[in-house]
């Protein structure tokens, strides 16, 4: 009996390339997040709070949170490219948190925020539907 479902047939599709792209995107995003966190930890004068903006955490706390998130992104990105099952779950969590965080910034950066949210949703869909194919390559 022939099946056309790539998940059941064991056939690798072109989505594997997108999963690798998603892994690289996580690594690059993690490196930028780490750099941003280090700037916040070393010199909090780099970040200026303008009137009317909401700041939930002080800059040092914000830096530590981003340092942890950046390290997680790098780790999960490399593991996703290697086909680790846990990395698919972690990718959905990390990218989901990023999409929610982007919603906070939609009023300030609507085009950027909407673009990142769309890319995040595409990454989540690709990882959920085709993530297991990376192990077969």
C-alpha atoms as a PDB file:
ATOM      1  CA  UNK A   1       0.000   0.000   0.000  1.00  0.00           C
ATOM      2  CA  UNK A   2       1.506   3.290  -1.104  1.00  0.00           C
ATOM      3  CA  UNK A   3       1.121   6.410   0.976  1.00  0.00           C
ATOM      4  CA  UNK A   4       1.789  10.025   0.068  1.00  0.00           C
ATOM      5  CA  UNK A   5       2.284  11.206   3.648  1.00  0.00           C
ATOM      6  CA  UNK A   6       6.027  11.928   4.038  1.00  0.00           C
ATOM      7  CA  UNK A   7       5.837  11.348   7.797  1.00  0.00           C
ATOM      8  CA  UNK A   8       4.567   7.781   7.309  1.00  0.00           C
ATOM      9  CA  UNK A   9       6.567   6.879   4.219  1.00  0.00           C
ATOM     10  CA  UNK A  10       9.920   7.999   5.650  1.00  0.00           C
ATOM     11  CA  UNK A  11      10.485  10.187   2.590  1.00  0.00           C
ATOM     12  CA  UNK A  12      12.452  13.368   3.137  1.00  0.00           C
ATOM     13  CA  UNK A  13      10.909  16.540   1.703  1.00  0.00           C
ATOM     14  CA  UNK A  14      12.257  19.981   0.910  1.00  0.00           C
ATOM     15  CA  UNK A  15      11.078  21.127   4.340  1.00  0.00           C
ATOM     16  CA  UNK A  16      14.300  19.704   5.784  1.00  0.00           C
ATOM     17  CA  UNK A  17      16.088  22.726   4.345  1.00  0.00           C
ATOM     18  CA  UNK A  18      13.652  25.016   6.114  1.00  0.00           C
ATOM     19  CA  UNK A  19      14.189  23.174   9.411  1.00  0.00           C
ATOM     20  CA  UNK A  20      17.951  23.703   9.019  1.00  0.00           C
ATOM     21  CA  UNK A  21      17.225  27.348   8.160  1.00  0.00           C
ATOM     22  CA  UNK A  22      15.106  27.612  11.321  1.00  0.00           C
ATOM     23  CA  UNK A  23      17.997  26.170  13.340  1.00  0.00           C
ATOM     24  CA  UNK A  24      20.436  28.681  11.846  1.00  0.00           C
ATOM     25  CA  UNK A  25      17.928  31.462  12.451  1.00  0.00           C
ATOM     26  CA  UNK A  26      17.751  30.456  16.110  1.00  0.00           C
ATOM     27  CA  UNK A  27      21.548  30.432  16.382  1.00  0.00           C
ATOM     28  CA  UNK A  28      21.941  33.863  14.757  1.00  0.00           C
ATOM     29  CA  UNK A  29      19.077  35.296  16.797  1.00  0.00           C
ATOM     30  CA  UNK A  30      20.632  33.828  19.929  1.00  0.00           C
ATOM     31  CA  UNK A  31      24.001  35.417  19.184  1.00  0.00           C
ATOM     32  CA  UNK A  32      22.353  38.821  18.686  1.00  0.00           C
ATOM     33  CA  UNK A  33      20.351  38.342  21.888  1.00  0.00           C
ATOM     34  CA  UNK A  34      23.559  37.447  23.752  1.00  0.00           C
ATOM     35  CA  UNK A  35      25.275  40.583  22.414  1.00  0.00           C
ATOM     36  CA  UNK A  36      22.294  42.712  23.408  1.00  0.00           C
ATOM     37  CA  UNK A  37      22.318  41.152  26.872  1.00  0.00           C
ATOM     38  CA  UNK A  38      26.033  41.793  27.326  1.00  0.00           C
ATOM     39  CA  UNK A  39      25.537  45.442  26.358  1.00  0.00           C
ATOM     40  CA  UNK A  40      22.808  45.726  28.982  1.00  0.00           C
ATOM     41  CA  UNK A  41      24.947  44.057  31.660  1.00  0.00           C
ATOM     42  CA  UNK A  42      28.175  45.938  30.951  1.00  0.00           C
ATOM     43  CA  UNK A  43      26.809  49.428  30.351  1.00  0.00           C
ATOM     44  CA  UNK A  44      23.160  50.124  31.019  1.00  0.00           C
ATOM     45  CA  UNK A  45      23.575  53.638  29.612  1.00  0.00           C
ATOM     46  CA  UNK A  46      23.375  52.102  26.124  1.00  0.00           C
ATOM     47  CA  UNK A  47      19.628  51.700  26.577  1.00  0.00           C
ATOM     48  CA  UNK A  48      17.618  54.866  27.019  1.00  0.00           C
ATOM     49  CA  UNK A  49      14.071  54.900  28.324  1.00  0.00           C
ATOM     50  CA  UNK A  50      11.970  57.528  26.617  1.00  0.00           C
ATOM     51  CA  UNK A  51       8.820  59.048  28.076  1.00  0.00           C
ATOM     52  CA  UNK A  52       5.711  57.007  27.492  1.00  0.00           C
ATOM     53  CA  UNK A  53       7.515  53.671  27.229  1.00  0.00           C
ATOM     54  CA  UNK A  54       6.825  50.827  29.594  1.00  0.00           C
ATOM     55  CA  UNK A  55       9.805  49.188  31.272  1.00  0.00           C
ATOM     56  CA  UNK A  56       8.824  46.149  33.317  1.00  0.00           C
ATOM     57  CA  UNK A  57      12.321  45.210  34.515  1.00  0.00           C
ATOM     58  CA  UNK A  58      15.420  47.194  35.243  1.00  0.00           C
ATOM     59  CA  UNK A  59      18.162  46.994  32.618  1.00  0.00           C
ATOM     60  CA  UNK A  60      20.340  44.555  34.589  1.00  0.00           C
ATOM     61  CA  UNK A  61      17.496  42.066  35.070  1.00  0.00           C
ATOM     62  CA  UNK A  62      16.538  42.503  31.426  1.00  0.00           C
ATOM     63  CA  UNK A  63      20.155  41.736  30.490  1.00  0.00           C
ATOM     64  CA  UNK A  64      20.241  38.504  32.529  1.00  0.00           C
ATOM     65  CA  UNK A  65      16.926  37.316  31.094  1.00  0.00           C
ATOM     66  CA  UNK A  66      18.172  37.956  27.556  1.00  0.00           C
ATOM     67  CA  UNK A  67      21.493  36.293  28.318  1.00  0.00           C
ATOM     68  CA  UNK A  68      19.681  33.089  29.307  1.00  0.00           C
ATOM     69  CA  UNK A  69      17.275  33.313  26.343  1.00  0.00           C
ATOM     70  CA  UNK A  70      20.152  33.890  23.908  1.00  0.00           C
ATOM     71  CA  UNK A  71      22.075  30.893  25.224  1.00  0.00           C
ATOM     72  CA  UNK A  72      18.917  28.756  24.947  1.00  0.00           C
ATOM     73  CA  UNK A  73      18.360  29.896  21.372  1.00  0.00           C
ATOM     74  CA  UNK A  74      21.912  28.963  20.351  1.00  0.00           C
ATOM     75  CA  UNK A  75      21.725  25.573  22.065  1.00  0.00           C
ATOM     76  CA  UNK A  76      18.285  24.743  20.662  1.00  0.00           C
ATOM     77  CA  UNK A  77      19.266  25.923  17.169  1.00  0.00           C
ATOM     78  CA  UNK A  78      22.272  23.614  16.970  1.00  0.00           C
ATOM     79  CA  UNK A  79      20.305  20.693  18.429  1.00  0.00           C
ATOM     80  CA  UNK A  80      17.458  21.292  15.949  1.00  0.00           C
ATOM     81  CA  UNK A  81      19.865  21.102  13.025  1.00  0.00           C
ATOM     82  CA  UNK A  82      21.143  17.759  14.364  1.00  0.00           C
ATOM     83  CA  UNK A  83      17.592  16.401  14.536  1.00  0.00           C
ATOM     84  CA  UNK A  84      17.202  16.061  18.308  1.00  0.00           C
ATOM     85  CA  UNK A  85      13.605  15.358  19.294  1.00  0.00           C
ATOM     86  CA  UNK A  86      13.792  17.522  22.420  1.00  0.00           C
ATOM     87  CA  UNK A  87      14.990  20.424  20.264  1.00  0.00           C
ATOM     88  CA  UNK A  88      11.747  20.403  18.283  1.00  0.00           C
ATOM     89  CA  UNK A  89       9.742  20.860  21.477  1.00  0.00           C
ATOM     90  CA  UNK A  90      12.165  23.488  22.771  1.00  0.00           C
ATOM     91  CA  UNK A  91      12.018  25.322  19.427  1.00  0.00           C
ATOM     92  CA  UNK A  92       8.249  25.582  19.653  1.00  0.00           C
ATOM     93  CA  UNK A  93       8.524  26.956  23.194  1.00  0.00           C
ATOM     94  CA  UNK A  94      11.351  29.426  22.454  1.00  0.00           C
ATOM     95  CA  UNK A  95       9.842  30.653  19.190  1.00  0.00           C
ATOM     96  CA  UNK A  96       6.384  30.840  20.780  1.00  0.00           C
ATOM     97  CA  UNK A  97       7.724  33.035  23.572  1.00  0.00           C
ATOM     98  CA  UNK A  98       9.435  35.204  20.948  1.00  0.00           C
ATOM     99  CA  UNK A  99       6.158  35.585  19.015  1.00  0.00           C
ATOM    100  CA  UNK A 100       4.346  36.641  22.192  1.00  0.00           C
ATOM    101  CA  UNK A 101       7.120  39.101  23.015  1.00  0.00           C
ATOM    102  CA  UNK A 102       6.831  40.605  19.539  1.00  0.00           C
ATOM    103  CA  UNK A 103       3.146  41.284  20.179  1.00  0.00           C
ATOM    104  CA  UNK A 104       4.189  43.667  22.945  1.00  0.00           C
ATOM    105  CA  UNK A 105       6.215  45.696  20.442  1.00  0.00           C
ATOM    106  CA  UNK A 106       3.572  45.781  17.674  1.00  0.00           C
ATOM    107  CA  UNK A 107       2.490  49.364  18.460  1.00  0.00           C
ATOM    108  CA  UNK A 108       6.100  50.592  18.217  1.00  0.00           C
ATOM    109  CA  UNK A 109       7.257  48.451  15.271  1.00  0.00           C
ATOM    110  CA  UNK A 110       4.169  47.093  13.464  1.00  0.00           C
ATOM    111  CA  UNK A 111       5.831  45.918  10.240  1.00  0.00           C
ATOM    112  CA  UNK A 112       8.813  44.347  11.995  1.00  0.00           C
ATOM    113  CA  UNK A 113       6.682  42.736  14.688  1.00  0.00           C
ATOM    114  CA  UNK A 114       4.178  41.304  12.203  1.00  0.00           C
ATOM    115  CA  UNK A 115       7.003  39.960  10.017  1.00  0.00           C
ATOM    116  CA  UNK A 116       8.718  38.244  12.941  1.00  0.00           C
ATOM    117  CA  UNK A 117       5.426  36.783  14.180  1.00  0.00           C
ATOM    118  CA  UNK A 118       4.689  35.399  10.697  1.00  0.00           C
ATOM    119  CA  UNK A 119       8.164  33.855  10.485  1.00  0.00           C
ATOM    120  CA  UNK A 120       7.808  32.434  14.001  1.00  0.00           C
ATOM    121  CA  UNK A 121       4.498  30.799  13.087  1.00  0.00           C
ATOM    122  CA  UNK A 122       6.041  29.332   9.934  1.00  0.00           C
ATOM    123  CA  UNK A 123       8.949  27.923  11.954  1.00  0.00           C
ATOM    124  CA  UNK A 124       6.555  26.398  14.489  1.00  0.00           C
ATOM    125  CA  UNK A 125       4.472  24.829  11.729  1.00  0.00           C
ATOM    126  CA  UNK A 126       7.520  23.462   9.897  1.00  0.00           C
ATOM    127  CA  UNK A 127       9.055  22.018  13.057  1.00  0.00           C
ATOM    128  CA  UNK A 128       5.783  20.410  14.143  1.00  0.00           C
ATOM    129  CA  UNK A 129       4.962  18.937  10.723  1.00  0.00           C
ATOM    130  CA  UNK A 130       8.385  18.111   9.268  1.00  0.00           C
ATOM    131  CA  UNK A 131      10.852  18.195  12.194  1.00  0.00           C
ATOM    132  CA  UNK A 132      11.298  14.444  12.291  1.00  0.00           C
ATOM    133  CA  UNK A 133      12.639  14.435   8.720  1.00  0.00           C
ATOM    134  CA  UNK A 134      15.913  16.041   9.826  1.00  0.00           C
ATOM    135  CA  UNK A 135      16.924  12.834  11.609  1.00  0.00           C
ATOM    136  CA  UNK A 136      16.611  10.924   8.319  1.00  0.00           C
ATOM    137  CA  UNK A 137      19.160  13.075   6.480  1.00  0.00           C
END
